[in-house]
């Protein structure tokens, strides 16, 4: 791949817990770096010093958090993260690979917590000054298969991973609805496929986006 180094690119990865976002983010980063691109790997929540503190609250706090408070905490992390991490990296012409963005809030807090999805999305857009990635990769996986992966990892569940099956079914349905509504931004990938096949499909789409955005 010969990619232009003058324009930044923002790629987000979405999907339920256990879908393989970390694996695919690492593979995409390695490929881009090999091609000579500067890359920033980040995540929400937790992609900044402020975000680390918020991540500890929303994912590891013992006890309940009111659904609206949870949505506001994610939006606060998003506002700071986009302003201090994402926008500066894009301005430097770097590729930002990000684990979760506002689509996760719409799916988890909107559908999962049964809040108004439109209000959750508008809150996030306001927090991020309307910023949207050029490409969002949705790794789609049945929640039952995802739970098997999480169980096999033998690690403690965070607050969202520990939710009941019905919660995760609503989250998956919301992600797929978001992808249907914005097909130009989303790439939906079957997360049961071999990781190498998935990585190849993602690379091909990223290369097309880079080529389309290349000057001249």
N, C-alpha and C. Protein backbone atom coordinates (compact mmCIF):
# COMPACT_ATOMS: atom_id res chain seq x y z
N UNK A 1 0.83 -1.20 0.00
CA UNK A 1 0.00 0.00 0.00
C UNK A 1 0.86 1.25 0.00
N UNK A 2 0.56 2.17 -0.86
CA UNK A 2 1.20 3.48 -0.84
C UNK A 2 0.14 4.49 -0.44
N UNK A 3 0.23 5.00 0.79
CA UNK A 3 -0.83 5.86 1.33
C UNK A 3 -0.32 7.27 1.49
N UNK A 4 -1.18 8.25 1.23
CA UNK A 4 -0.78 9.64 1.43
C UNK A 4 -0.51 9.92 2.90
N UNK A 5 0.50 10.70 3.18
CA UNK A 5 0.86 10.96 4.57
C UNK A 5 0.46 12.37 5.00
N UNK A 6 -0.36 13.02 4.21
CA UNK A 6 -0.67 14.42 4.50
C UNK A 6 -2.05 14.62 5.13
N UNK A 7 -2.85 13.60 5.13
CA UNK A 7 -4.20 13.75 5.64
C UNK A 7 -4.46 12.69 6.70
N UNK A 8 -5.06 13.10 7.81
CA UNK A 8 -5.38 12.15 8.86
C UNK A 8 -6.58 11.29 8.48
N UNK A 9 -6.72 10.19 9.18
CA UNK A 9 -7.86 9.29 9.00
C UNK A 9 -8.29 8.78 10.37
N UNK A 10 -9.59 8.74 10.57
CA UNK A 10 -10.15 8.31 11.86
C UNK A 10 -10.99 7.07 11.64
N UNK A 11 -10.57 5.97 12.25
CA UNK A 11 -11.26 4.69 12.15
C UNK A 11 -11.68 4.26 13.55
N UNK A 12 -12.96 3.94 13.71
CA UNK A 12 -13.43 3.42 15.00
C UNK A 12 -13.86 1.97 14.83
N UNK A 13 -13.70 1.20 15.90
CA UNK A 13 -14.14 -0.19 15.92
C UNK A 13 -15.23 -0.34 16.96
N UNK A 14 -16.33 -0.96 16.55
CA UNK A 14 -17.48 -1.13 17.43
C UNK A 14 -17.90 -2.59 17.46
N UNK A 15 -18.76 -2.90 18.41
CA UNK A 15 -19.28 -4.26 18.55
C UNK A 15 -19.41 -4.63 20.00
N UNK A 16 -20.06 -5.74 20.24
CA UNK A 16 -20.22 -6.19 21.62
C UNK A 16 -18.92 -6.63 22.24
N UNK A 17 -18.94 -6.80 23.55
CA UNK A 17 -17.76 -7.27 24.26
C UNK A 17 -17.43 -8.69 23.78
N UNK A 18 -16.15 -8.92 23.51
CA UNK A 18 -15.72 -10.23 23.04
C UNK A 18 -15.73 -10.39 21.53
N UNK A 19 -16.05 -9.33 20.79
CA UNK A 19 -16.14 -9.44 19.34
C UNK A 19 -14.79 -9.42 18.64
N UNK A 20 -13.73 -9.00 19.34
CA UNK A 20 -12.39 -9.02 18.74
C UNK A 20 -11.86 -7.66 18.33
N UNK A 21 -12.39 -6.59 18.92
CA UNK A 21 -11.97 -5.24 18.53
C UNK A 21 -10.49 -5.00 18.80
N UNK A 22 -9.99 -5.46 19.94
CA UNK A 22 -8.59 -5.24 20.29
C UNK A 22 -7.67 -5.95 19.30
N UNK A 23 -8.01 -7.17 18.96
CA UNK A 23 -7.20 -7.94 18.01
C UNK A 23 -7.14 -7.25 16.65
N UNK A 24 -8.28 -6.77 16.18
CA UNK A 24 -8.31 -6.13 14.86
C UNK A 24 -7.67 -4.75 14.88
N UNK A 25 -7.79 -4.04 15.98
CA UNK A 25 -7.12 -2.74 16.08
C UNK A 25 -5.61 -2.91 16.02
N UNK A 26 -5.10 -3.93 16.71
CA UNK A 26 -3.65 -4.19 16.69
C UNK A 26 -3.18 -4.59 15.30
N UNK A 27 -3.96 -5.40 14.60
CA UNK A 27 -3.57 -5.83 13.26
C UNK A 27 -3.57 -4.65 12.29
N UNK A 28 -4.58 -3.80 12.40
CA UNK A 28 -4.64 -2.63 11.52
C UNK A 28 -3.50 -1.67 11.81
N UNK A 29 -3.19 -1.47 13.07
CA UNK A 29 -2.07 -0.60 13.43
C UNK A 29 -0.77 -1.11 12.85
N UNK A 30 -0.51 -2.40 12.97
CA UNK A 30 0.75 -2.98 12.47
C UNK A 30 0.86 -2.79 10.96
N UNK A 31 -0.23 -3.02 10.25
CA UNK A 31 -0.23 -2.88 8.79
C UNK A 31 0.03 -1.44 8.37
N UNK A 32 -0.62 -0.50 9.04
CA UNK A 32 -0.45 0.91 8.70
C UNK A 32 0.97 1.39 9.01
N UNK A 33 1.50 0.98 10.13
CA UNK A 33 2.88 1.38 10.48
C UNK A 33 3.88 0.81 9.48
N UNK A 34 3.64 -0.41 9.05
CA UNK A 34 4.53 -1.02 8.06
C UNK A 34 4.48 -0.24 6.74
N UNK A 35 3.31 0.38 6.48
CA UNK A 35 3.15 1.19 5.27
C UNK A 35 3.69 2.60 5.45
N UNK A 36 4.21 2.91 6.62
CA UNK A 36 4.83 4.21 6.84
C UNK A 36 3.91 5.26 7.44
N UNK A 37 2.72 4.87 7.89
CA UNK A 37 1.81 5.84 8.48
C UNK A 37 2.04 5.97 9.99
N UNK A 38 1.91 7.20 10.48
CA UNK A 38 1.92 7.43 11.92
C UNK A 38 0.53 7.08 12.45
N UNK A 39 0.48 6.32 13.54
CA UNK A 39 -0.79 5.81 14.06
C UNK A 39 -0.94 6.15 15.53
N UNK A 40 -2.15 6.52 15.92
CA UNK A 40 -2.51 6.69 17.33
C UNK A 40 -3.57 5.64 17.66
N UNK A 41 -3.27 4.73 18.57
CA UNK A 41 -4.26 3.77 19.06
C UNK A 41 -4.86 4.32 20.33
N UNK A 42 -6.17 4.34 20.39
CA UNK A 42 -6.82 4.90 21.56
C UNK A 42 -8.15 4.21 21.80
N UNK A 43 -8.84 4.62 22.86
CA UNK A 43 -10.10 3.97 23.19
C UNK A 43 -10.99 4.90 23.99
N UNK A 44 -12.27 4.57 24.00
CA UNK A 44 -13.22 5.27 24.87
C UNK A 44 -14.02 4.23 25.66
N UNK A 45 -14.14 4.48 26.97
CA UNK A 45 -13.45 5.53 27.72
C UNK A 45 -12.02 5.10 28.03
N UNK A 46 -11.19 6.06 28.40
CA UNK A 46 -9.84 5.75 28.85
C UNK A 46 -8.71 6.16 27.95
N UNK A 47 -8.99 6.96 26.91
CA UNK A 47 -7.93 7.34 25.99
C UNK A 47 -7.16 8.57 26.39
N UNK A 48 -7.44 9.11 27.56
CA UNK A 48 -6.73 10.27 28.08
C UNK A 48 -6.61 10.10 29.59
N UNK A 49 -5.86 11.00 30.25
CA UNK A 49 -5.73 10.89 31.70
C UNK A 49 -7.09 11.05 32.38
N UNK A 50 -7.87 12.00 31.90
CA UNK A 50 -9.22 12.17 32.44
C UNK A 50 -10.06 10.92 32.15
N UNK A 51 -9.90 10.39 30.94
CA UNK A 51 -10.66 9.21 30.54
C UNK A 51 -10.37 7.99 31.38
N UNK A 52 -9.13 7.84 31.83
CA UNK A 52 -8.78 6.70 32.69
C UNK A 52 -9.61 6.74 33.97
N UNK A 53 -9.76 7.93 34.53
CA UNK A 53 -10.55 8.08 35.75
C UNK A 53 -12.02 7.77 35.49
N UNK A 54 -12.54 8.26 34.38
CA UNK A 54 -13.94 8.01 34.04
C UNK A 54 -14.16 6.53 33.75
N UNK A 55 -13.20 5.90 33.07
CA UNK A 55 -13.33 4.47 32.77
C UNK A 55 -13.46 3.65 34.05
N UNK A 56 -12.69 4.00 35.05
CA UNK A 56 -12.75 3.27 36.32
C UNK A 56 -14.14 3.39 36.95
N UNK A 57 -14.75 4.56 36.80
CA UNK A 57 -16.09 4.76 37.36
C UNK A 57 -17.14 3.96 36.60
N UNK A 58 -17.17 4.12 35.28
CA UNK A 58 -18.28 3.54 34.51
C UNK A 58 -18.16 2.02 34.35
N UNK A 59 -16.95 1.48 34.40
CA UNK A 59 -16.79 0.05 34.18
C UNK A 59 -16.51 -0.75 35.44
N UNK A 60 -15.97 -0.11 36.47
CA UNK A 60 -15.53 -0.87 37.64
C UNK A 60 -16.11 -0.38 38.96
N UNK A 61 -16.96 0.63 38.92
CA UNK A 61 -17.58 1.11 40.15
C UNK A 61 -18.48 0.04 40.74
N UNK A 62 -18.33 -0.20 42.02
CA UNK A 62 -19.18 -1.18 42.70
C UNK A 62 -20.49 -0.51 43.09
N UNK A 63 -21.57 -1.08 42.60
CA UNK A 63 -22.86 -0.47 42.86
C UNK A 63 -23.45 0.12 41.61
N UNK A 64 -24.68 0.56 41.72
CA UNK A 64 -25.41 1.08 40.57
C UNK A 64 -24.98 2.50 40.21
N UNK A 65 -25.07 2.80 38.91
CA UNK A 65 -24.95 4.16 38.41
C UNK A 65 -26.22 4.44 37.62
N UNK A 66 -26.88 5.54 37.91
CA UNK A 66 -28.11 5.87 37.20
C UNK A 66 -27.83 5.94 35.70
N UNK A 67 -28.71 5.37 34.88
CA UNK A 67 -28.46 5.33 33.43
C UNK A 67 -28.11 6.67 32.81
N UNK A 68 -28.81 7.75 33.21
CA UNK A 68 -28.51 9.06 32.64
C UNK A 68 -27.14 9.55 33.11
N UNK A 69 -26.79 9.25 34.34
CA UNK A 69 -25.47 9.62 34.84
C UNK A 69 -24.38 8.88 34.06
N UNK A 70 -24.64 7.62 33.76
CA UNK A 70 -23.69 6.84 32.98
C UNK A 70 -23.49 7.45 31.60
N UNK A 71 -24.60 7.81 30.94
CA UNK A 71 -24.50 8.42 29.61
C UNK A 71 -23.74 9.73 29.66
N UNK A 72 -23.95 10.52 30.70
CA UNK A 72 -23.25 11.79 30.83
C UNK A 72 -21.76 11.59 31.08
N UNK A 73 -21.41 10.57 31.84
CA UNK A 73 -19.99 10.29 32.08
C UNK A 73 -19.29 9.90 30.78
N UNK A 74 -19.92 9.07 29.98
CA UNK A 74 -19.33 8.71 28.69
C UNK A 74 -19.19 9.94 27.79
N UNK A 75 -20.20 10.81 27.80
CA UNK A 75 -20.13 12.02 26.98
C UNK A 75 -19.01 12.95 27.46
N UNK A 76 -18.81 13.03 28.77
CA UNK A 76 -17.74 13.87 29.31
C UNK A 76 -16.38 13.33 28.86
N UNK A 77 -16.20 12.02 28.94
CA UNK A 77 -14.96 11.42 28.45
C UNK A 77 -14.76 11.73 26.97
N UNK A 78 -15.85 11.63 26.21
CA UNK A 78 -15.78 11.84 24.75
C UNK A 78 -15.38 13.27 24.42
N UNK A 79 -15.95 14.23 25.12
CA UNK A 79 -15.64 15.63 24.86
C UNK A 79 -14.14 15.89 25.05
N UNK A 80 -13.60 15.39 26.15
CA UNK A 80 -12.18 15.61 26.45
C UNK A 80 -11.29 14.82 25.49
N UNK A 81 -11.67 13.60 25.20
CA UNK A 81 -10.86 12.73 24.35
C UNK A 81 -10.74 13.27 22.94
N UNK A 82 -11.86 13.67 22.35
CA UNK A 82 -11.83 14.19 20.98
C UNK A 82 -11.02 15.47 20.92
N UNK A 83 -11.20 16.33 21.92
CA UNK A 83 -10.52 17.62 21.91
C UNK A 83 -9.01 17.49 22.12
N UNK A 84 -8.59 16.56 22.97
CA UNK A 84 -7.17 16.51 23.36
C UNK A 84 -6.37 15.40 22.68
N UNK A 85 -7.05 14.39 22.13
CA UNK A 85 -6.34 13.27 21.51
C UNK A 85 -6.65 13.16 20.01
N UNK A 86 -7.93 13.06 19.68
CA UNK A 86 -8.30 12.75 18.30
C UNK A 86 -8.02 13.90 17.35
N UNK A 87 -8.57 15.07 17.64
CA UNK A 87 -8.39 16.21 16.72
C UNK A 87 -6.91 16.57 16.52
N UNK A 88 -6.09 16.63 17.58
CA UNK A 88 -4.68 16.94 17.36
C UNK A 88 -3.97 15.90 16.48
N UNK A 89 -4.30 14.62 16.67
CA UNK A 89 -3.67 13.57 15.85
C UNK A 89 -4.06 13.71 14.39
N UNK A 90 -5.34 13.96 14.13
CA UNK A 90 -5.78 14.14 12.75
C UNK A 90 -5.14 15.36 12.11
N UNK A 91 -4.98 16.42 12.90
CA UNK A 91 -4.35 17.63 12.38
C UNK A 91 -2.90 17.39 12.01
N UNK A 92 -2.26 16.42 12.67
CA UNK A 92 -0.87 16.07 12.35
C UNK A 92 -0.80 15.11 11.17
N UNK A 93 -1.93 14.71 10.60
CA UNK A 93 -1.94 13.79 9.49
C UNK A 93 -1.82 12.33 9.88
N UNK A 94 -2.11 12.01 11.13
CA UNK A 94 -1.97 10.65 11.62
C UNK A 94 -3.27 9.87 11.46
N UNK A 95 -3.16 8.56 11.55
CA UNK A 95 -4.34 7.69 11.53
C UNK A 95 -4.72 7.37 12.97
N UNK A 96 -5.94 7.65 13.32
CA UNK A 96 -6.45 7.33 14.65
C UNK A 96 -7.27 6.05 14.56
N UNK A 97 -6.85 5.04 15.32
CA UNK A 97 -7.61 3.79 15.43
C UNK A 97 -8.19 3.75 16.83
N UNK A 98 -9.51 3.76 16.90
CA UNK A 98 -10.16 3.96 18.19
C UNK A 98 -11.13 2.83 18.52
N UNK A 99 -10.98 2.29 19.70
CA UNK A 99 -11.87 1.26 20.23
C UNK A 99 -13.06 1.95 20.90
N UNK A 100 -14.21 1.95 20.21
CA UNK A 100 -15.49 2.51 20.65
C UNK A 100 -15.53 4.04 20.49
N UNK A 101 -16.74 4.48 20.11
CA UNK A 101 -17.04 5.91 20.03
C UNK A 101 -18.52 6.09 20.33
N UNK A 102 -19.15 7.09 19.75
CA UNK A 102 -20.52 7.41 20.14
C UNK A 102 -21.52 6.32 19.80
N UNK A 103 -21.22 5.49 18.79
CA UNK A 103 -22.14 4.40 18.47
C UNK A 103 -22.29 3.44 19.64
N UNK A 104 -21.24 3.28 20.42
CA UNK A 104 -21.35 2.44 21.61
C UNK A 104 -22.28 3.06 22.64
N UNK A 105 -22.25 4.37 22.77
CA UNK A 105 -23.17 5.02 23.71
C UNK A 105 -24.62 4.84 23.27
N UNK A 106 -24.87 4.99 21.96
CA UNK A 106 -26.23 4.79 21.46
C UNK A 106 -26.69 3.36 21.71
N UNK A 107 -25.78 2.39 21.51
CA UNK A 107 -26.14 0.99 21.68
C UNK A 107 -26.26 0.59 23.15
N UNK A 108 -25.27 0.96 23.94
CA UNK A 108 -25.24 0.50 25.33
C UNK A 108 -26.13 1.34 26.25
N UNK A 109 -25.99 2.65 26.18
CA UNK A 109 -26.81 3.49 27.05
C UNK A 109 -28.20 3.72 26.46
N UNK A 110 -28.26 3.85 25.13
CA UNK A 110 -29.56 4.05 24.50
C UNK A 110 -30.40 2.79 24.54
N UNK A 111 -29.95 1.75 23.83
CA UNK A 111 -30.74 0.51 23.76
C UNK A 111 -30.57 -0.34 25.02
N UNK A 112 -29.33 -0.52 25.46
CA UNK A 112 -29.09 -1.37 26.62
C UNK A 112 -29.76 -0.86 27.88
N UNK A 113 -29.61 0.43 28.14
CA UNK A 113 -30.20 1.03 29.35
C UNK A 113 -31.61 1.56 29.11
N UNK A 114 -32.09 1.41 27.87
CA UNK A 114 -33.44 1.83 27.47
C UNK A 114 -33.63 3.33 27.71
N UNK A 115 -32.65 4.11 27.26
CA UNK A 115 -32.78 5.55 27.20
C UNK A 115 -33.17 5.93 25.77
N UNK A 116 -33.45 7.20 25.54
CA UNK A 116 -33.78 7.66 24.20
C UNK A 116 -32.51 7.69 23.36
N UNK A 117 -32.45 6.83 22.35
CA UNK A 117 -31.23 6.71 21.53
C UNK A 117 -30.88 8.01 20.84
N UNK A 118 -31.90 8.73 20.37
CA UNK A 118 -31.64 10.01 19.69
C UNK A 118 -31.02 11.01 20.65
N UNK A 119 -31.54 11.09 21.85
CA UNK A 119 -30.98 12.01 22.84
C UNK A 119 -29.54 11.65 23.19
N UNK A 120 -29.27 10.35 23.32
CA UNK A 120 -27.90 9.91 23.65
C UNK A 120 -26.95 10.29 22.52
N UNK A 121 -27.37 10.08 21.28
CA UNK A 121 -26.53 10.43 20.14
C UNK A 121 -26.29 11.93 20.07
N UNK A 122 -27.35 12.72 20.25
CA UNK A 122 -27.21 14.17 20.19
C UNK A 122 -26.31 14.69 21.31
N UNK A 123 -26.39 14.08 22.48
CA UNK A 123 -25.51 14.45 23.59
C UNK A 123 -24.05 14.23 23.21
N UNK A 124 -23.77 13.08 22.61
CA UNK A 124 -22.39 12.78 22.21
C UNK A 124 -21.91 13.69 21.10
N UNK A 125 -22.79 13.97 20.13
CA UNK A 125 -22.40 14.87 19.05
C UNK A 125 -22.11 16.27 19.58
N UNK A 126 -22.92 16.71 20.53
CA UNK A 126 -22.66 18.02 21.15
C UNK A 126 -21.32 18.00 21.88
N UNK A 127 -21.06 16.94 22.62
CA UNK A 127 -19.81 16.84 23.38
C UNK A 127 -18.60 16.86 22.46
N UNK A 128 -18.72 16.23 21.29
CA UNK A 128 -17.59 16.11 20.37
C UNK A 128 -17.63 17.13 19.24
N UNK A 129 -18.48 18.12 19.38
CA UNK A 129 -18.62 19.17 18.35
C UNK A 129 -18.92 18.57 16.98
N UNK A 130 -19.75 17.54 16.97
CA UNK A 130 -20.19 16.96 15.72
C UNK A 130 -19.23 16.02 15.04
N UNK A 131 -18.12 15.69 15.67
CA UNK A 131 -17.09 14.88 15.02
C UNK A 131 -17.55 13.44 14.79
N UNK A 132 -17.35 12.95 13.57
CA UNK A 132 -17.63 11.56 13.23
C UNK A 132 -16.45 10.97 12.48
N UNK A 133 -16.15 9.70 12.69
CA UNK A 133 -15.05 9.05 11.97
C UNK A 133 -15.39 8.83 10.50
N UNK A 134 -14.35 8.72 9.67
CA UNK A 134 -14.56 8.40 8.26
C UNK A 134 -15.04 6.96 8.09
N UNK A 135 -14.58 6.08 8.97
CA UNK A 135 -14.93 4.66 8.86
C UNK A 135 -15.18 4.08 10.24
N UNK A 136 -16.28 3.35 10.35
CA UNK A 136 -16.59 2.61 11.58
C UNK A 136 -16.74 1.14 11.23
N UNK A 137 -15.90 0.31 11.82
CA UNK A 137 -15.94 -1.13 11.60
C UNK A 137 -16.77 -1.76 12.72
N UNK A 138 -17.88 -2.39 12.35
CA UNK A 138 -18.72 -3.08 13.31
C UNK A 138 -18.43 -4.57 13.24
N UNK A 139 -17.86 -5.10 14.30
CA UNK A 139 -17.60 -6.52 14.41
C UNK A 139 -18.83 -7.18 15.03
N UNK A 140 -19.62 -7.82 14.20
CA UNK A 140 -20.91 -8.34 14.63
C UNK A 140 -20.78 -9.78 15.12
N UNK A 141 -21.27 -10.02 16.33
CA UNK A 141 -21.17 -11.35 16.94
C UNK A 141 -22.39 -11.60 17.81
N UNK A 142 -22.97 -12.78 17.68
CA UNK A 142 -24.08 -13.17 18.53
C UNK A 142 -23.65 -13.10 20.00
N UNK A 143 -24.45 -12.50 20.87
CA UNK A 143 -24.05 -12.36 22.28
C UNK A 143 -23.73 -13.69 22.97
N UNK A 144 -24.37 -14.77 22.54
CA UNK A 144 -24.06 -16.06 23.16
C UNK A 144 -22.64 -16.51 22.82
N UNK A 145 -22.23 -16.29 21.58
CA UNK A 145 -20.85 -16.62 21.20
C UNK A 145 -19.87 -15.70 21.90
N UNK A 146 -20.26 -14.43 22.04
CA UNK A 146 -19.39 -13.48 22.75
C UNK A 146 -19.19 -13.90 24.20
N UNK A 147 -20.27 -14.35 24.85
CA UNK A 147 -20.14 -14.78 26.25
C UNK A 147 -19.22 -15.99 26.36
N UNK A 148 -19.28 -16.89 25.39
CA UNK A 148 -18.37 -18.04 25.43
C UNK A 148 -16.91 -17.58 25.34
N UNK A 149 -16.66 -16.60 24.50
CA UNK A 149 -15.29 -16.07 24.40
C UNK A 149 -14.85 -15.42 25.71
N UNK A 150 -15.74 -14.64 26.30
CA UNK A 150 -15.40 -13.96 27.56
C UNK A 150 -15.18 -14.98 28.67
N UNK A 151 -16.01 -16.01 28.71
CA UNK A 151 -15.83 -17.05 29.73
C UNK A 151 -14.49 -17.75 29.55
N UNK A 152 -14.12 -18.00 28.29
CA UNK A 152 -12.86 -18.69 28.02
C UNK A 152 -11.65 -17.85 28.41
N UNK A 153 -11.81 -16.52 28.36
CA UNK A 153 -10.70 -15.63 28.73
C UNK A 153 -10.43 -15.68 30.23
N UNK A 154 -11.42 -16.12 31.00
CA UNK A 154 -11.25 -16.31 32.45
C UNK A 154 -10.76 -15.05 33.15
N UNK A 155 -11.41 -13.91 32.83
CA UNK A 155 -11.10 -12.65 33.49
C UNK A 155 -12.37 -12.10 34.12
N UNK A 156 -12.23 -11.29 35.17
CA UNK A 156 -13.44 -10.71 35.79
C UNK A 156 -14.20 -9.85 34.79
N UNK A 157 -15.52 -9.91 34.82
CA UNK A 157 -16.34 -9.09 33.95
C UNK A 157 -16.45 -7.68 34.50
N UNK A 158 -16.48 -6.68 33.58
CA UNK A 158 -16.77 -5.32 34.03
C UNK A 158 -18.29 -5.15 34.14
N UNK A 159 -18.74 -3.94 34.48
CA UNK A 159 -20.18 -3.72 34.73
C UNK A 159 -21.03 -4.03 33.51
N UNK A 160 -20.55 -3.70 32.31
CA UNK A 160 -21.34 -3.92 31.11
C UNK A 160 -21.27 -5.38 30.66
N UNK A 161 -20.10 -5.97 30.72
CA UNK A 161 -19.96 -7.37 30.34
C UNK A 161 -20.85 -8.27 31.20
N UNK A 162 -21.06 -7.87 32.46
CA UNK A 162 -21.82 -8.69 33.40
C UNK A 162 -23.33 -8.58 33.22
N UNK A 163 -23.79 -7.70 32.33
CA UNK A 163 -25.23 -7.55 32.14
C UNK A 163 -25.84 -8.83 31.55
N UNK A 164 -27.17 -8.96 31.70
CA UNK A 164 -27.88 -10.16 31.26
C UNK A 164 -27.94 -10.24 29.73
N UNK A 165 -28.30 -11.42 29.24
CA UNK A 165 -28.33 -11.68 27.80
C UNK A 165 -29.26 -10.72 27.07
N UNK A 166 -30.39 -10.39 27.68
CA UNK A 166 -31.35 -9.49 27.03
C UNK A 166 -30.73 -8.13 26.75
N UNK A 167 -29.93 -7.65 27.67
CA UNK A 167 -29.22 -6.38 27.50
C UNK A 167 -28.34 -6.43 26.25
N UNK A 168 -27.55 -7.48 26.13
CA UNK A 168 -26.61 -7.59 25.02
C UNK A 168 -27.32 -7.84 23.69
N UNK A 169 -28.48 -8.47 23.73
CA UNK A 169 -29.28 -8.62 22.51
C UNK A 169 -29.75 -7.26 22.02
N UNK A 170 -30.19 -6.40 22.93
CA UNK A 170 -30.61 -5.05 22.55
C UNK A 170 -29.44 -4.26 21.99
N UNK A 171 -28.28 -4.41 22.59
CA UNK A 171 -27.08 -3.71 22.13
C UNK A 171 -26.74 -4.13 20.70
N UNK A 172 -26.74 -5.43 20.45
CA UNK A 172 -26.41 -5.91 19.10
C UNK A 172 -27.40 -5.38 18.07
N UNK A 173 -28.67 -5.44 18.39
CA UNK A 173 -29.69 -4.95 17.45
C UNK A 173 -29.50 -3.47 17.17
N UNK A 174 -29.14 -2.71 18.19
CA UNK A 174 -28.92 -1.27 18.00
C UNK A 174 -27.72 -1.01 17.11
N UNK A 175 -26.64 -1.74 17.29
CA UNK A 175 -25.46 -1.58 16.43
C UNK A 175 -25.82 -1.84 14.96
N UNK A 176 -26.56 -2.91 14.71
CA UNK A 176 -26.92 -3.25 13.34
C UNK A 176 -27.85 -2.20 12.74
N UNK A 177 -28.73 -1.64 13.55
CA UNK A 177 -29.61 -0.58 13.06
C UNK A 177 -28.81 0.67 12.71
N UNK A 178 -27.81 0.99 13.51
CA UNK A 178 -26.96 2.13 13.22
C UNK A 178 -26.21 1.93 11.91
N UNK A 179 -25.70 0.72 11.70
CA UNK A 179 -24.98 0.43 10.46
C UNK A 179 -25.91 0.52 9.25
N UNK A 180 -27.14 0.05 9.40
CA UNK A 180 -28.10 0.14 8.29
C UNK A 180 -28.41 1.60 7.94
N UNK A 181 -28.41 2.45 8.97
CA UNK A 181 -28.75 3.86 8.76
C UNK A 181 -27.62 4.65 8.11
N UNK A 182 -26.36 4.19 8.28
CA UNK A 182 -25.20 4.91 7.73
C UNK A 182 -24.27 3.94 7.00
N UNK A 183 -24.73 3.35 5.89
CA UNK A 183 -23.90 2.34 5.21
C UNK A 183 -22.60 2.89 4.65
N UNK A 184 -22.54 4.17 4.35
CA UNK A 184 -21.30 4.74 3.81
C UNK A 184 -20.20 4.82 4.87
N UNK A 185 -20.60 4.98 6.13
CA UNK A 185 -19.61 5.07 7.21
C UNK A 185 -19.25 3.71 7.78
N UNK A 186 -20.18 2.79 7.79
CA UNK A 186 -19.99 1.50 8.46
C UNK A 186 -19.49 0.41 7.52
N UNK A 187 -18.62 -0.43 8.05
CA UNK A 187 -18.28 -1.72 7.47
C UNK A 187 -18.70 -2.77 8.50
N UNK A 188 -19.67 -3.60 8.15
CA UNK A 188 -20.13 -4.65 9.06
C UNK A 188 -19.41 -5.95 8.71
N UNK A 189 -18.77 -6.54 9.71
CA UNK A 189 -17.96 -7.75 9.50
C UNK A 189 -18.48 -8.86 10.41
N UNK A 190 -18.60 -10.05 9.86
CA UNK A 190 -18.97 -11.22 10.64
C UNK A 190 -17.80 -11.61 11.53
N UNK A 191 -17.95 -11.40 12.83
CA UNK A 191 -16.83 -11.61 13.76
C UNK A 191 -16.57 -13.08 14.08
N UNK A 192 -17.36 -14.00 13.50
CA UNK A 192 -17.06 -15.42 13.68
C UNK A 192 -16.02 -15.91 12.67
N UNK A 193 -15.71 -15.10 11.68
CA UNK A 193 -14.73 -15.50 10.66
C UNK A 193 -13.32 -15.51 11.26
N UNK A 194 -12.37 -16.17 10.60
CA UNK A 194 -10.99 -16.19 11.09
C UNK A 194 -10.44 -14.76 11.20
N UNK A 195 -9.70 -14.46 12.26
CA UNK A 195 -9.18 -13.10 12.46
C UNK A 195 -8.39 -12.56 11.27
N UNK A 196 -7.62 -13.42 10.60
CA UNK A 196 -6.83 -12.95 9.46
C UNK A 196 -7.74 -12.51 8.31
N UNK A 197 -8.82 -13.24 8.07
CA UNK A 197 -9.76 -12.87 7.02
C UNK A 197 -10.42 -11.53 7.35
N UNK A 198 -10.77 -11.35 8.61
CA UNK A 198 -11.38 -10.09 9.03
C UNK A 198 -10.40 -8.95 8.83
N UNK A 199 -9.15 -9.15 9.25
CA UNK A 199 -8.13 -8.11 9.11
C UNK A 199 -7.93 -7.71 7.66
N UNK A 200 -7.97 -8.70 6.76
CA UNK A 200 -7.81 -8.41 5.34
C UNK A 200 -8.96 -7.56 4.81
N UNK A 201 -10.18 -7.90 5.21
CA UNK A 201 -11.34 -7.11 4.77
C UNK A 201 -11.26 -5.67 5.28
N UNK A 202 -10.84 -5.51 6.52
CA UNK A 202 -10.72 -4.17 7.09
C UNK A 202 -9.64 -3.38 6.36
N UNK A 203 -8.50 -4.00 6.10
CA UNK A 203 -7.42 -3.32 5.38
C UNK A 203 -7.87 -2.85 4.01
N UNK A 204 -8.60 -3.71 3.30
CA UNK A 204 -9.07 -3.34 1.96
C UNK A 204 -9.97 -2.12 2.00
N UNK A 205 -10.84 -2.06 3.00
CA UNK A 205 -11.74 -0.90 3.12
C UNK A 205 -10.96 0.35 3.51
N UNK A 206 -10.02 0.21 4.43
CA UNK A 206 -9.21 1.36 4.84
C UNK A 206 -8.40 1.88 3.66
N UNK A 207 -7.85 1.00 2.88
CA UNK A 207 -7.06 1.43 1.72
C UNK A 207 -7.93 2.20 0.73
N UNK A 208 -9.16 1.74 0.54
CA UNK A 208 -10.07 2.46 -0.37
C UNK A 208 -10.38 3.86 0.17
N UNK A 209 -10.57 3.96 1.47
CA UNK A 209 -10.86 5.26 2.07
C UNK A 209 -9.66 6.18 1.92
N UNK A 210 -8.47 5.67 2.16
CA UNK A 210 -7.26 6.47 2.02
C UNK A 210 -7.06 6.92 0.57
N UNK A 211 -7.29 6.03 -0.36
CA UNK A 211 -7.14 6.36 -1.77
C UNK A 211 -8.15 7.43 -2.19
N UNK A 212 -9.38 7.30 -1.74
CA UNK A 212 -10.42 8.25 -2.10
C UNK A 212 -10.14 9.63 -1.54
N UNK A 213 -9.45 9.68 -0.39
CA UNK A 213 -9.18 10.97 0.25
C UNK A 213 -7.84 11.56 -0.12
N UNK A 214 -7.09 10.84 -0.98
CA UNK A 214 -5.77 11.30 -1.37
C UNK A 214 -5.86 12.56 -2.23
N UNK A 215 -5.02 13.57 -1.94
CA UNK A 215 -5.03 14.78 -2.76
C UNK A 215 -4.73 14.47 -4.21
N UNK A 216 -5.47 15.11 -5.13
CA UNK A 216 -5.24 14.92 -6.54
C UNK A 216 -5.78 13.62 -7.07
